[in-house]
PDB file of N, CA and C in Angstrom:
ATOM      1  N   MET A   1     118.274 137.780  40.474  1.00  0.00           N
ATOM      2  CA  MET A   1     119.301 138.665  40.978  1.00  0.00           C
ATOM      3  C   MET A   1     118.685 139.914  41.577  1.00  0.00           C
ATOM      4  N   GLU A   2     117.766 139.709  42.461  1.00  0.00           N
ATOM      5  CA  GLU A   2     117.148 140.783  43.228  1.00  0.00           C
ATOM      6  C   GLU A   2     116.212 141.665  42.412  1.00  0.00           C
ATOM      7  N   GLY A   3     115.738 141.203  41.283  1.00  0.00           N
ATOM      8  CA  GLY A   3     114.743 141.932  40.517  1.00  0.00           C
ATOM      9  C   GLY A   3     115.311 142.958  39.558  1.00  0.00           C
ATOM     10  N   GLU A   4     114.401 143.536  38.782  1.00  0.00           N
ATOM     11  CA  GLU A   4     114.785 144.485  37.731  1.00  0.00           C
ATOM     12  C   GLU A   4     115.492 145.729  38.249  1.00  0.00           C
ATOM     13  N   GLU A   5     115.186 146.113  39.479  1.00  0.00           N
ATOM     14  CA  GLU A   5     115.819 147.313  40.024  1.00  0.00           C
ATOM     15  C   GLU A   5     117.327 147.143  40.185  1.00  0.00           C
ATOM     16  N   SER A   6     117.811 145.900  40.202  1.00  0.00           N
ATOM     17  CA  SER A   6     119.245 145.637  40.345  1.00  0.00           C
ATOM     18  C   SER A   6     119.939 145.399  39.008  1.00  0.00           C
ATOM     19  N   LEU A   7     119.206 145.542  37.915  1.00  0.00           N
ATOM     20  CA  LEU A   7     119.763 145.252  36.591  1.00  0.00           C
ATOM     21  C   LEU A   7     121.021 146.060  36.300  1.00  0.00           C
ATOM     22  N   THR A   8     121.048 147.317  36.649  1.00  0.00           N
ATOM     23  CA  THR A   8     122.226 148.145  36.368  1.00  0.00           C
ATOM     24  C   THR A   8     123.451 147.674  37.146  1.00  0.00           C
ATOM     25  N   GLN A   9     123.232 146.991  38.249  1.00  0.00           N
ATOM     26  CA  GLN A   9     124.340 146.485  39.059  1.00  0.00           C
ATOM     27  C   GLN A   9     124.872 145.157  38.523  1.00  0.00           C
ATOM     28  N   PHE A  10     123.992 144.319  37.964  1.00  0.00           N
ATOM     29  CA  PHE A  10     124.396 142.975  37.576  1.00  0.00           C
ATOM     30  C   PHE A  10     124.555 142.751  36.080  1.00  0.00           C
ATOM     31  N   SER A  11     124.038 143.627  35.250  1.00  0.00           N
ATOM     32  CA  SER A  11     124.145 143.459  33.798  1.00  0.00           C
ATOM     33  C   SER A  11     125.500 143.952  33.315  1.00  0.00           C
ATOM     34  N   PRO A  12     126.345 143.064  32.778  1.00  0.00           N
ATOM     35  CA  PRO A  12     127.650 143.511  32.280  1.00  0.00           C
ATOM     36  C   PRO A  12     127.521 144.591  31.206  1.00  0.00           C
ATOM     37  N   GLU A  13     126.502 144.471  30.377  1.00  0.00           N
ATOM     38  CA  GLU A  13     126.328 145.457  29.306  1.00  0.00           C
ATOM     39  C   GLU A  13     126.025 146.844  29.877  1.00  0.00           C
ATOM     40  N   LEU A  14     125.210 146.901  30.917  1.00  0.00           N
ATOM     41  CA  LEU A  14     124.902 148.196  31.522  1.00  0.00           C
ATOM     42  C   LEU A  14     126.066 148.714  32.363  1.00  0.00           C
ATOM     43  N   VAL A  15     126.791 147.820  33.009  1.00  0.00           N
ATOM     44  CA  VAL A  15     127.943 148.237  33.822  1.00  0.00           C
ATOM     45  C   VAL A  15     128.985 148.942  32.962  1.00  0.00           C
ATOM     46  N   VAL A  16     129.314 148.372  31.800  1.00  0.00           N
ATOM     47  CA  VAL A  16     130.357 148.987  30.962  1.00  0.00           C
ATOM     48  C   VAL A  16     129.925 150.319  30.365  1.00  0.00           C
ATOM     49  N   GLN A  17     128.632 150.606  30.356  1.00  0.00           N
ATOM     50  CA  GLN A  17     128.143 151.881  29.832  1.00  0.00           C
ATOM     51  C   GLN A  17     128.170 152.998  30.870  1.00  0.00           C
ATOM     52  N   ASN A  18     128.543 152.666  32.093  1.00  0.00           N
ATOM     53  CA  ASN A  18     128.675 153.675  33.136  1.00  0.00           C
ATOM     54  C   ASN A  18     129.740 154.678  32.693  1.00  0.00           C
ATOM     55  N   PRO A  19     129.408 155.951  32.617  1.00  0.00           N
ATOM     56  CA  PRO A  19     130.372 156.952  32.148  1.00  0.00           C
ATOM     57  C   PRO A  19     131.681 156.960  32.943  1.00  0.00           C
ATOM     58  N   ASN A  20     131.621 156.581  34.210  1.00  0.00           N
ATOM     59  CA  ASN A  20     132.833 156.555  35.039  1.00  0.00           C
ATOM     60  C   ASN A  20     133.759 155.389  34.687  1.00  0.00           C
ATOM     61  N   LEU A  21     133.263 154.416  33.928  1.00  0.00           N
ATOM     62  CA  LEU A  21     134.065 153.238  33.587  1.00  0.00           C
ATOM     63  C   LEU A  21     134.431 153.170  32.113  1.00  0.00           C
ATOM     64  N   LYS A  22     133.980 154.121  31.315  1.00  0.00           N
ATOM     65  CA  LYS A  22     134.203 154.087  29.863  1.00  0.00           C
ATOM     66  C   LYS A  22     135.672 153.914  29.495  1.00  0.00           C
ATOM     67  N   HIS A  23     136.572 154.576  30.195  1.00  0.00           N
ATOM     68  CA  HIS A  23     138.000 154.510  29.865  1.00  0.00           C
ATOM     69  C   HIS A  23     138.589 153.120  30.125  1.00  0.00           C
ATOM     70  N   ILE A  24     137.925 152.305  30.903  1.00  0.00           N
ATOM     71  CA  ILE A  24     138.434 150.973  31.248  1.00  0.00           C
ATOM     72  C   ILE A  24     138.159 149.956  30.138  1.00  0.00           C
ATOM     73  N   VAL A  25     137.050 150.118  29.418  1.00  0.00           N
ATOM     74  CA  VAL A  25     136.641 149.135  28.417  1.00  0.00           C
ATOM     75  C   VAL A  25     137.723 148.885  27.375  1.00  0.00           C
ATOM     76  N   ALA A  26     138.364 149.917  26.880  1.00  0.00           N
ATOM     77  CA  ALA A  26     139.409 149.757  25.865  1.00  0.00           C
ATOM     78  C   ALA A  26     140.630 149.011  26.411  1.00  0.00           C
ATOM     79  N   ARG A  27     140.778 148.976  27.722  1.00  0.00           N
ATOM     80  CA  ARG A  27     141.914 148.280  28.338  1.00  0.00           C
ATOM     81  C   ARG A  27     141.624 146.817  28.660  1.00  0.00           C
ATOM     82  N   LEU A  28     140.389 146.399  28.480  1.00  0.00           N
ATOM     83  CA  LEU A  28     140.044 144.998  28.739  1.00  0.00           C
ATOM     84  C   LEU A  28     140.719 144.092  27.709  1.00  0.00           C
ATOM     85  N   PRO A  29     141.046 142.861  28.092  1.00  0.00           N
ATOM     86  CA  PRO A  29     141.579 141.924  27.097  1.00  0.00           C
ATOM     87  C   PRO A  29     140.475 141.571  26.102  1.00  0.00           C
ATOM     88  N   PRO A  30     140.832 140.998  24.966  1.00  0.00           N
ATOM     89  CA  PRO A  30     139.799 140.577  24.010  1.00  0.00           C
ATOM     90  C   PRO A  30     138.818 139.615  24.692  1.00  0.00           C
ATOM     91  N   ILE A  31     137.548 139.800  24.386  1.00  0.00           N
ATOM     92  CA  ILE A  31     136.488 138.997  24.988  1.00  0.00           C
ATOM     93  C   ILE A  31     135.811 138.182  23.903  1.00  0.00           C
ATOM     94  N   ILE A  32     135.661 136.880  24.150  1.00  0.00           N
ATOM     95  CA  ILE A  32     134.939 135.996  23.237  1.00  0.00           C
ATOM     96  C   ILE A  32     133.728 135.472  23.994  1.00  0.00           C
ATOM     97  N   LEU A  33     132.557 135.679  23.425  1.00  0.00           N
ATOM     98  CA  LEU A  33     131.314 135.205  24.020  1.00  0.00           C
ATOM     99  C   LEU A  33     130.836 133.984  23.225  1.00  0.00           C
ATOM    100  N   PHE A  34     130.718 132.862  23.886  1.00  0.00           N
ATOM    101  CA  PHE A  34     130.225 131.624  23.283  1.00  0.00           C
ATOM    102  C   PHE A  34     128.771 131.476  23.714  1.00  0.00           C
ATOM    103  N   HIS A  35     127.850 131.334  22.760  1.00  0.00           N
ATOM    104  CA  HIS A  35     126.439 131.318  23.131  1.00  0.00           C
ATOM    105  C   HIS A  35     125.627 130.394  22.229  1.00  0.00           C
ATOM    106  N   GLY A  36     124.728 129.645  22.836  1.00  0.00           N
ATOM    107  CA  GLY A  36     123.817 128.774  22.091  1.00  0.00           C
ATOM    108  C   GLY A  36     122.577 129.528  21.661  1.00  0.00           C
ATOM    109  N   THR A  37     122.083 129.213  20.473  1.00  0.00           N
ATOM    110  CA  THR A  37     120.900 129.904  19.956  1.00  0.00           C
ATOM    111  C   THR A  37     119.611 129.416  20.602  1.00  0.00           C
ATOM    112  N   ALA A  38     119.649 128.290  21.318  1.00  0.00           N
ATOM    113  CA  ALA A  38     118.458 127.762  21.989  1.00  0.00           C
ATOM    114  C   ALA A  38     118.505 128.003  23.492  1.00  0.00           C
ATOM    115  N   ASP A  39     119.277 128.970  23.923  1.00  0.00           N
ATOM    116  CA  ASP A  39     119.380 129.313  25.345  1.00  0.00           C
ATOM    117  C   ASP A  39     118.133 130.097  25.755  1.00  0.00           C
ATOM    118  N   TYR A  40     117.351 129.525  26.683  1.00  0.00           N
ATOM    119  CA  TYR A  40     116.125 130.194  27.130  1.00  0.00           C
ATOM    120  C   TYR A  40     116.379 131.071  28.352  1.00  0.00           C
ATOM    121  N   SER A  41     117.494 130.885  29.040  1.00  0.00           N
ATOM    122  CA  SER A  41     117.808 131.688  30.219  1.00  0.00           C
ATOM    123  C   SER A  41     118.292 133.072  29.808  1.00  0.00           C
ATOM    124  N   ILE A  42     119.226 133.094  28.872  1.00  0.00           N
ATOM    125  CA  ILE A  42     119.782 134.349  28.361  1.00  0.00           C
ATOM    126  C   ILE A  42     119.802 134.221  26.840  1.00  0.00           C
ATOM    127  N   PRO A  43     118.912 134.898  26.149  1.00  0.00           N
ATOM    128  CA  PRO A  43     118.877 134.784  24.691  1.00  0.00           C
ATOM    129  C   PRO A  43     120.213 135.176  24.063  1.00  0.00           C
ATOM    130  N   SER A  44     120.554 134.529  22.970  1.00  0.00           N
ATOM    131  CA  SER A  44     121.834 134.800  22.302  1.00  0.00           C
ATOM    132  C   SER A  44     121.929 136.243  21.824  1.00  0.00           C
ATOM    133  N   ASP A  45     120.800 136.903  21.613  1.00  0.00           N
ATOM    134  CA  ASP A  45     120.825 138.320  21.232  1.00  0.00           C
ATOM    135  C   ASP A  45     121.480 139.174  22.316  1.00  0.00           C
ATOM    136  N   ALA A  46     121.409 138.722  23.585  1.00  0.00           N
ATOM    137  CA  ALA A  46     122.040 139.468  24.674  1.00  0.00           C
ATOM    138  C   ALA A  46     123.560 139.494  24.496  1.00  0.00           C
ATOM    139  N   SER A  47     124.140 138.376  24.058  1.00  0.00           N
ATOM    140  CA  SER A  47     125.590 138.345  23.815  1.00  0.00           C
ATOM    141  C   SER A  47     125.958 139.221  22.628  1.00  0.00           C
ATOM    142  N   LYS A  48     125.132 139.189  21.591  1.00  0.00           N
ATOM    143  CA  LYS A  48     125.395 140.040  20.428  1.00  0.00           C
ATOM    144  C   LYS A  48     125.363 141.513  20.826  1.00  0.00           C
ATOM    145  N   SER A  49     124.359 141.874  21.596  1.00  0.00           N
ATOM    146  CA  SER A  49     124.221 143.259  22.033  1.00  0.00           C
ATOM    147  C   SER A  49     125.390 143.679  22.931  1.00  0.00           C
ATOM    148  N   PHE A  50     125.802 142.793  23.834  1.00  0.00           N
ATOM    149  CA  PHE A  50     126.921 143.093  24.725  1.00  0.00           C
ATOM    150  C   PHE A  50     128.207 143.288  23.930  1.00  0.00           C
ATOM    151  N   ALA A  51     128.460 142.408  22.972  1.00  0.00           N
ATOM    152  CA  ALA A  51     129.671 142.525  22.139  1.00  0.00           C
ATOM    153  C   ALA A  51     129.656 143.827  21.347  1.00  0.00           C
ATOM    154  N   GLU A  52     128.506 144.185  20.798  1.00  0.00           N
ATOM    155  CA  GLU A  52     128.392 145.436  20.046  1.00  0.00           C
ATOM    156  C   GLU A  52     128.654 146.640  20.953  1.00  0.00           C
ATOM    157  N   THR A  53     128.141 146.587  22.179  1.00  0.00           N
ATOM    158  CA  THR A  53     128.369 147.671  23.134  1.00  0.00           C
ATOM    159  C   THR A  53     129.847 147.790  23.460  1.00  0.00           C
ATOM    160  N   LEU A  54     130.495 146.659  23.724  1.00  0.00           N
ATOM    161  CA  LEU A  54     131.935 146.681  24.013  1.00  0.00           C
ATOM    162  C   LEU A  54     132.714 147.273  22.842  1.00  0.00           C
ATOM    163  N   GLN A  55     132.392 146.846  21.630  1.00  0.00           N
ATOM    164  CA  GLN A  55     133.083 147.350  20.448  1.00  0.00           C
ATOM    165  C   GLN A  55     132.865 148.852  20.287  1.00  0.00           C
ATOM    166  N   ARG A  56     131.631 149.308  20.503  1.00  0.00           N
ATOM    167  CA  ARG A  56     131.306 150.728  20.383  1.00  0.00           C
ATOM    168  C   ARG A  56     132.090 151.565  21.395  1.00  0.00           C
ATOM    169  N   LEU A  57     132.395 150.960  22.556  1.00  0.00           N
ATOM    170  CA  LEU A  57     133.135 151.673  23.597  1.00  0.00           C
ATOM    171  C   LEU A  57     134.643 151.462  23.505  1.00  0.00           C
ATOM    172  N   GLY A  58     135.105 150.817  22.411  1.00  0.00           N
ATOM    173  CA  GLY A  58     136.541 150.655  22.201  1.00  0.00           C
ATOM    174  C   GLY A  58     137.109 149.321  22.627  1.00  0.00           C
ATOM    175  N   GLY A  59     136.252 148.412  23.041  1.00  0.00           N
ATOM    176  CA  GLY A  59     136.717 147.084  23.446  1.00  0.00           C
ATOM    177  C   GLY A  59     136.812 146.133  22.266  1.00  0.00           C
ATOM    178  N   LYS A  60     137.501 145.025  22.493  1.00  0.00           N
ATOM    179  CA  LYS A  60     137.622 143.975  21.484  1.00  0.00           C
ATOM    180  C   LYS A  60     136.724 142.832  21.923  1.00  0.00           C
ATOM    181  N   ALA A  61     135.678 142.554  21.142  1.00  0.00           N
ATOM    182  CA  ALA A  61     134.717 141.518  21.512  1.00  0.00           C
ATOM    183  C   ALA A  61     134.241 140.768  20.272  1.00  0.00           C
ATOM    184  N   GLU A  62     133.961 139.503  20.482  1.00  0.00           N
ATOM    185  CA  GLU A  62     133.507 138.617  19.409  1.00  0.00           C
ATOM    186  C   GLU A  62     132.451 137.685  19.979  1.00  0.00           C
ATOM    187  N   VAL A  63     131.449 137.358  19.181  1.00  0.00           N
ATOM    188  CA  VAL A  63     130.414 136.402  19.584  1.00  0.00           C
ATOM    189  C   VAL A  63     130.482 135.216  18.648  1.00  0.00           C
ATOM    190  N   ILE A  64     130.480 134.017  19.222  1.00  0.00           N
ATOM    191  CA  ILE A  64     130.403 132.802  18.428  1.00  0.00           C
ATOM    192  C   ILE A  64     129.116 132.095  18.849  1.00  0.00           C
ATOM    193  N   LEU A  65     128.210 131.912  17.887  1.00  0.00           N
ATOM    194  CA  LEU A  65     126.919 131.284  18.160  1.00  0.00           C
ATOM    195  C   LEU A  65     126.938 129.812  17.761  1.00  0.00           C
ATOM    196  N   TYR A  66     126.230 129.010  18.540  1.00  0.00           N
ATOM    197  CA  TYR A  66     126.138 127.570  18.298  1.00  0.00           C
ATOM    198  C   TYR A  66     124.667 127.209  18.152  1.00  0.00           C
ATOM    199  N   GLU A  67     124.322 126.832  16.946  1.00  0.00           N
ATOM    200  CA  GLU A  67     122.931 126.526  16.611  1.00  0.00           C
ATOM    201  C   GLU A  67     122.389 125.394  17.489  1.00  0.00           C
ATOM    202  N   GLY A  68     121.267 125.667  18.151  1.00  0.00           N
ATOM    203  CA  GLY A  68     120.569 124.647  18.936  1.00  0.00           C
ATOM    204  C   GLY A  68     121.097 124.399  20.339  1.00  0.00           C
ATOM    205  N   LYS A  69     122.184 125.047  20.719  1.00  0.00           N
ATOM    206  CA  LYS A  69     122.742 124.833  22.071  1.00  0.00           C
ATOM    207  C   LYS A  69     121.929 125.612  23.103  1.00  0.00           C
ATOM    208  N   THR A  70     121.739 124.991  24.266  1.00  0.00           N
ATOM    209  CA  THR A  70     121.021 125.635  25.358  1.00  0.00           C
ATOM    210  C   THR A  70     122.005 126.160  26.397  1.00  0.00           C
ATOM    211  N   HIS A  71     121.462 126.673  27.476  1.00  0.00           N
ATOM    212  CA  HIS A  71     122.266 127.225  28.567  1.00  0.00           C
ATOM    213  C   HIS A  71     123.074 126.146  29.283  1.00  0.00           C
ATOM    214  N   THR A  72     122.574 124.915  29.278  1.00  0.00           N
ATOM    215  CA  THR A  72     123.216 123.842  30.044  1.00  0.00           C
ATOM    216  C   THR A  72     123.936 122.795  29.192  1.00  0.00           C
ATOM    217  N   ASP A  73     123.843 122.870  27.890  1.00  0.00           N
ATOM    218  CA  ASP A  73     124.448 121.838  27.036  1.00  0.00           C
ATOM    219  C   ASP A  73     125.931 121.625  27.300  1.00  0.00           C
ATOM    220  N   LEU A  74     126.683 122.696  27.405  1.00  0.00           N
ATOM    221  CA  LEU A  74     128.141 122.585  27.524  1.00  0.00           C
ATOM    222  C   LEU A  74     128.574 121.791  28.752  1.00  0.00           C
ATOM    223  N   PHE A  75     127.934 122.030  29.880  1.00  0.00           N
ATOM    224  CA  PHE A  75     128.396 121.380  31.111  1.00  0.00           C
ATOM    225  C   PHE A  75     127.490 120.255  31.600  1.00  0.00           C
ATOM    226  N   LEU A  76     126.362 120.008  30.925  1.00  0.00           N
ATOM    227  CA  LEU A  76     125.479 118.948  31.388  1.00  0.00           C
ATOM    228  C   LEU A  76     125.244 117.901  30.299  1.00  0.00           C
ATOM    229  N   GLN A  77     124.489 118.251  29.263  1.00  0.00           N
ATOM    230  CA  GLN A  77     124.145 117.268  28.240  1.00  0.00           C
ATOM    231  C   GLN A  77     125.337 116.822  27.391  1.00  0.00           C
ATOM    232  N   ASP A  78     126.131 117.764  26.899  1.00  0.00           N
ATOM    233  CA  ASP A  78     127.228 117.412  26.001  1.00  0.00           C
ATOM    234  C   ASP A  78     128.272 116.491  26.639  1.00  0.00           C
ATOM    235  N   PRO A  79     128.706 116.732  27.871  1.00  0.00           N
ATOM    236  CA  PRO A  79     129.668 115.794  28.476  1.00  0.00           C
ATOM    237  C   PRO A  79     129.095 114.383  28.623  1.00  0.00           C
ATOM    238  N   MET A  80     127.785 114.289  28.868  1.00  0.00           N
ATOM    239  CA  MET A  80     127.165 112.962  28.990  1.00  0.00           C
ATOM    240  C   MET A  80     127.019 112.291  27.632  1.00  0.00           C
ATOM    241  N   ARG A  81     126.926 113.105  26.588  1.00  0.00           N
ATOM    242  CA  ARG A  81     126.775 112.587  25.226  1.00  0.00           C
ATOM    243  C   ARG A  81     128.084 111.966  24.726  1.00  0.00           C
ATOM    244  N   GLY A  82     129.203 112.539  25.150  1.00  0.00           N
ATOM    245  CA  GLY A  82     130.502 112.037  24.706  1.00  0.00           C
ATOM    246  C   GLY A  82     130.823 112.483  23.298  1.00  0.00           C
ATOM    247  N   GLY A  83     131.903 111.965  22.766  1.00  0.00           N
ATOM    248  CA  GLY A  83     132.319 112.311  21.412  1.00  0.00           C
ATOM    249  C   GLY A  83     132.888 113.706  21.325  1.00  0.00           C
ATOM    250  N   THR A  84     132.903 114.262  20.124  1.00  0.00           N
ATOM    251  CA  THR A  84     133.446 115.599  19.925  1.00  0.00           C
ATOM    252  C   THR A  84     132.304 116.608  19.903  1.00  0.00           C
ATOM    253  N   ASP A  85     132.618 117.826  20.261  1.00  0.00           N
ATOM    254  CA  ASP A  85     131.622 118.880  20.292  1.00  0.00           C
ATOM    255  C   ASP A  85     132.309 120.187  19.920  1.00  0.00           C
ATOM    256  N   GLU A  86     131.778 120.876  18.932  1.00  0.00           N
ATOM    257  CA  GLU A  86     132.403 122.088  18.411  1.00  0.00           C
ATOM    258  C   GLU A  86     132.554 123.181  19.476  1.00  0.00           C
ATOM    259  N   MET A  87     131.507 123.413  20.248  1.00  0.00           N
ATOM    260  CA  MET A  87     131.572 124.466  21.271  1.00  0.00           C
ATOM    261  C   MET A  87     132.620 124.142  22.326  1.00  0.00           C
ATOM    262  N   PHE A  88     132.628 122.916  22.794  1.00  0.00           N
ATOM    263  CA  PHE A  88     133.605 122.488  23.787  1.00  0.00           C
ATOM    264  C   PHE A  88     135.026 122.658  23.247  1.00  0.00           C
ATOM    265  N   GLU A  89     135.253 122.195  22.041  1.00  0.00           N
ATOM    266  CA  GLU A  89     136.579 122.284  21.429  1.00  0.00           C
ATOM    267  C   GLU A  89     137.020 123.740  21.260  1.00  0.00           C
ATOM    268  N   ASP A  90     136.090 124.605  20.864  1.00  0.00           N
ATOM    269  CA  ASP A  90     136.422 126.025  20.698  1.00  0.00           C
ATOM    270  C   ASP A  90     136.829 126.657  22.027  1.00  0.00           C
ATOM    271  N   ILE A  91     136.078 126.364  23.079  1.00  0.00           N
ATOM    272  CA  ILE A  91     136.388 126.937  24.394  1.00  0.00           C
ATOM    273  C   ILE A  91     137.713 126.402  24.913  1.00  0.00           C
ATOM    274  N   VAL A  92     137.930 125.097  24.801  1.00  0.00           N
ATOM    275  CA  VAL A  92     139.191 124.506  25.255  1.00  0.00           C
ATOM    276  C   VAL A  92     140.361 125.099  24.476  1.00  0.00           C
ATOM    277  N   SER A  93     140.166 125.315  23.184  1.00  0.00           N
ATOM    278  CA  SER A  93     141.224 125.896  22.359  1.00  0.00           C
ATOM    279  C   SER A  93     141.606 127.289  22.853  1.00  0.00           C
ATOM    280  N   VAL A  94     140.619 128.099  23.223  1.00  0.00           N
ATOM    281  CA  VAL A  94     140.909 129.439  23.733  1.00  0.00           C
ATOM    282  C   VAL A  94     141.597 129.349  25.088  1.00  0.00           C
ATOM    283  N   VAL A  95     141.069 128.493  25.968  1.00  0.00           N
ATOM    284  CA  VAL A  95     141.638 128.361  27.314  1.00  0.00           C
ATOM    285  C   VAL A  95     143.086 127.880  27.250  1.00  0.00           C
ATOM    286  N   LEU A  96     143.361 126.958  26.351  1.00  0.00           N
ATOM    287  CA  LEU A  96     144.705 126.390  26.242  1.00  0.00           C
ATOM    288  C   LEU A  96     145.587 127.144  25.248  1.00  0.00           C
ATOM    289  N   GLY A  97     145.106 128.239  24.745  1.00  0.00           N
ATOM    290  CA  GLY A  97     145.910 129.065  23.845  1.00  0.00           C
ATOM    291  C   GLY A  97     146.201 128.410  22.513  1.00  0.00           C
ATOM    292  N   GLY A  98     145.316 127.513  22.070  1.00  0.00           N
ATOM    293  CA  GLY A  98     145.503 126.876  20.774  1.00  0.00           C
ATOM    294  C   GLY A  98     146.560 125.792  20.734  1.00  0.00           C
ATOM    295  N   ASP A  99     147.011 125.310  21.886  1.00  0.00           N
ATOM    296  CA  ASP A  99     148.034 124.263  21.955  1.00  0.00           C
ATOM    297  C   ASP A  99     147.453 122.946  21.438  1.00  0.00           C
ATOM    298  N   SER A 100     147.699 122.633  20.173  1.00  0.00           N
ATOM    299  CA  SER A 100     147.089 121.470  19.533  1.00  0.00           C
ATOM    300  C   SER A 100     147.527 120.143  20.142  1.00  0.00           C
ATOM    301  N   GLU A 101     148.674 120.106  20.791  1.00  0.00           N
ATOM    302  CA  GLU A 101     149.122 118.864  21.430  1.00  0.00           C
ATOM    303  C   GLU A 101     148.287 118.516  22.653  1.00  0.00           C
ATOM    304  N   VAL A 102     147.765 119.510  23.315  1.00  0.00           N
ATOM    305  CA  VAL A 102     146.995 119.286  24.538  1.00  0.00           C
ATOM    306  C   VAL A 102     145.502 119.183  24.254  1.00  0.00           C
ATOM    307  N   ILE A 103     145.010 119.947  23.273  1.00  0.00           N
ATOM    308  CA  ILE A 103     143.581 119.965  22.971  1.00  0.00           C
ATOM    309  C   ILE A 103     143.119 118.567  22.578  1.00  0.00           C
ATOM    310  N   GLY A 104     142.008 118.157  23.166  1.00  0.00           N
ATOM    311  CA  GLY A 104     141.453 116.844  22.872  1.00  0.00           C
ATOM    312  C   GLY A 104     141.974 115.736  23.767  1.00  0.00           C
ATOM    313  N   LYS A 105     143.068 115.955  24.489  1.00  0.00           N
ATOM    314  CA  LYS A 105     143.627 114.930  25.359  1.00  0.00           C
ATOM    315  C   LYS A 105     143.213 115.121  26.814  1.00  0.00           C
ATOM    316  N   SER A 106     142.646 116.256  27.134  1.00  0.00           N
ATOM    317  CA  SER A 106     142.411 116.596  28.532  1.00  0.00           C
ATOM    318  C   SER A 106     141.140 115.999  29.125  1.00  0.00           C
ATOM    319  N   VAL A 107     140.199 115.539  28.293  1.00  0.00           N
ATOM    320  CA  VAL A 107     138.927 115.052  28.812  1.00  0.00           C
ATOM    321  C   VAL A 107     138.551 113.736  28.150  1.00  0.00           C
ATOM    322  N   ASP A 108     138.078 112.801  28.967  1.00  0.00           N
ATOM    323  CA  ASP A 108     137.568 111.531  28.457  1.00  0.00           C
ATOM    324  C   ASP A 108     136.157 111.779  27.935  1.00  0.00           C
ATOM    325  N   ARG A 109     135.935 111.608  26.664  1.00  0.00           N
ATOM    326  CA  ARG A 109     134.655 111.954  26.046  1.00  0.00           C
ATOM    327  C   ARG A 109     133.826 110.711  25.704  1.00  0.00           C
ATOM    328  N   ARG A 110     133.706 109.778  26.674  1.00  0.00           N
ATOM    329  CA  ARG A 110     132.849 108.597  26.457  1.00  0.00           C
ATOM    330  C   ARG A 110     131.390 108.949  26.720  1.00  0.00           C
ATOM    331  N   ARG A 111     130.484 108.287  26.014  1.00  0.00           N
ATOM    332  CA  ARG A 111     129.045 108.478  26.255  1.00  0.00           C
ATOM    333  C   ARG A 111     128.710 107.911  27.626  1.00  0.00           C
ATOM    334  N   LEU A 112     127.941 108.692  28.408  1.00  0.00           N
ATOM    335  CA  LEU A 112     127.583 108.278  29.756  1.00  0.00           C
ATOM    336  C   LEU A 112     126.126 107.847  29.889  1.00  0.00           C
ATOM    337  N   VAL A 113     125.232 108.377  29.026  1.00  0.00           N
ATOM    338  CA  VAL A 113     123.813 108.008  29.072  1.00  0.00           C
ATOM    339  C   VAL A 113     123.270 107.897  27.652  1.00  0.00           C
ATOM    340  N   PRO A 114     122.179 107.142  27.481  1.00  0.00           N
ATOM    341  CA  PRO A 114     121.583 107.012  26.141  1.00  0.00           C
ATOM    342  C   PRO A 114     121.023 108.345  25.640  1.00  0.00           C
ATOM    343  N   GLU A 115     121.012 108.514  24.334  1.00  0.00           N
ATOM    344  CA  GLU A 115     120.575 109.760  23.706  1.00  0.00           C
ATOM    345  C   GLU A 115     119.137 110.133  24.071  1.00  0.00           C
ATOM    346  N   PHE A 116     118.235 109.150  24.174  1.00  0.00           N
ATOM    347  CA  PHE A 116     116.849 109.484  24.486  1.00  0.00           C
ATOM    348  C   PHE A 116     116.735 110.192  25.843  1.00  0.00           C
ATOM    349  N   MET A 117     117.604 109.869  26.781  1.00  0.00           N
ATOM    350  CA  MET A 117     117.582 110.530  28.084  1.00  0.00           C
ATOM    351  C   MET A 117     118.049 111.989  27.963  1.00  0.00           C
ATOM    352  N   LEU A 118     119.028 112.214  27.105  1.00  0.00           N
ATOM    353  CA  LEU A 118     119.508 113.584  26.893  1.00  0.00           C
ATOM    354  C   LEU A 118     118.456 114.431  26.189  1.00  0.00           C
ATOM    355  N   LYS A 119     117.755 113.839  25.232  1.00  0.00           N
ATOM    356  CA  LYS A 119     116.689 114.563  24.539  1.00  0.00           C
ATOM    357  C   LYS A 119     115.546 114.879  25.499  1.00  0.00           C
ATOM    358  N   LEU A 120     115.253 113.959  26.400  1.00  0.00           N
ATOM    359  CA  LEU A 120     114.222 114.199  27.408  1.00  0.00           C
ATOM    360  C   LEU A 120     114.654 115.336  28.335  1.00  0.00           C
ATOM    361  N   ALA A 121     115.904 115.317  28.778  1.00  0.00           N
ATOM    362  CA  ALA A 121     116.423 116.375  29.643  1.00  0.00           C
ATOM    363  C   ALA A 121     116.368 117.732  28.927  1.00  0.00           C
ATOM    364  N   HIS A 122     116.710 117.734  27.640  1.00  0.00           N
ATOM    365  CA  HIS A 122     116.670 118.962  26.834  1.00  0.00           C
ATOM    366  C   HIS A 122     115.238 119.495  26.767  1.00  0.00           C
ATOM    367  N   TRP A 123     114.289 118.606  26.607  1.00  0.00           N
ATOM    368  CA  TRP A 123     112.891 118.989  26.475  1.00  0.00           C
ATOM    369  C   TRP A 123     112.330 119.523  27.800  1.00  0.00           C
ATOM    370  N   VAL A 124     112.770 118.928  28.913  1.00  0.00           N
ATOM    371  CA  VAL A 124     112.260 119.281  30.240  1.00  0.00           C
ATOM    372  C   VAL A 124     112.967 120.522  30.806  1.00  0.00           C
ATOM    373  N   SER A 125     114.224 120.733  30.465  1.00  0.00           N
ATOM    374  CA  SER A 125     115.012 121.819  31.039  1.00  0.00           C
ATOM    375  C   SER A 125     114.427 123.198  30.738  1.00  0.00           C
ATOM    376  N   PRO A 126     114.301 124.037  31.763  1.00  0.00           N
ATOM    377  CA  PRO A 126     113.806 125.394  31.521  1.00  0.00           C
ATOM    378  C   PRO A 126     114.908 126.330  31.005  1.00  0.00           C
ATOM    379  N   PHE A 127     116.113 125.840  30.849  1.00  0.00           N
ATOM    380  CA  PHE A 127     117.239 126.674  30.455  1.00  0.00           C
ATOM    381  C   PHE A 127     117.556 126.489  28.990  1.00  0.00           C
TER     382      PHE A 127
END
């Protein structure tokens, strides 16, 4: 994102600390950050720090960590794996407002590739 000199422009945590925007943070809707502990692109500590910053500035924020999840698991490996997945179910539940009749019916969760291929992709992925 254009290097470290642009961090203040692109980092949500630094943006909300701008004194000119402080009054806006308390007006934001509740924020839930879903993060995998094996994310190499953005460490899960970044979500924890962001949530703490939001809370300190009057915002409502929560972090939910998923042990062993990477940056790409939710949209790449997990859909190919099929079956149920806690992170996916949690996100769908929030998006659908907890409507239990709809949750679980919206996506076909069949296995698409063998597990050894997913483990290989996990091992090779830089994310």
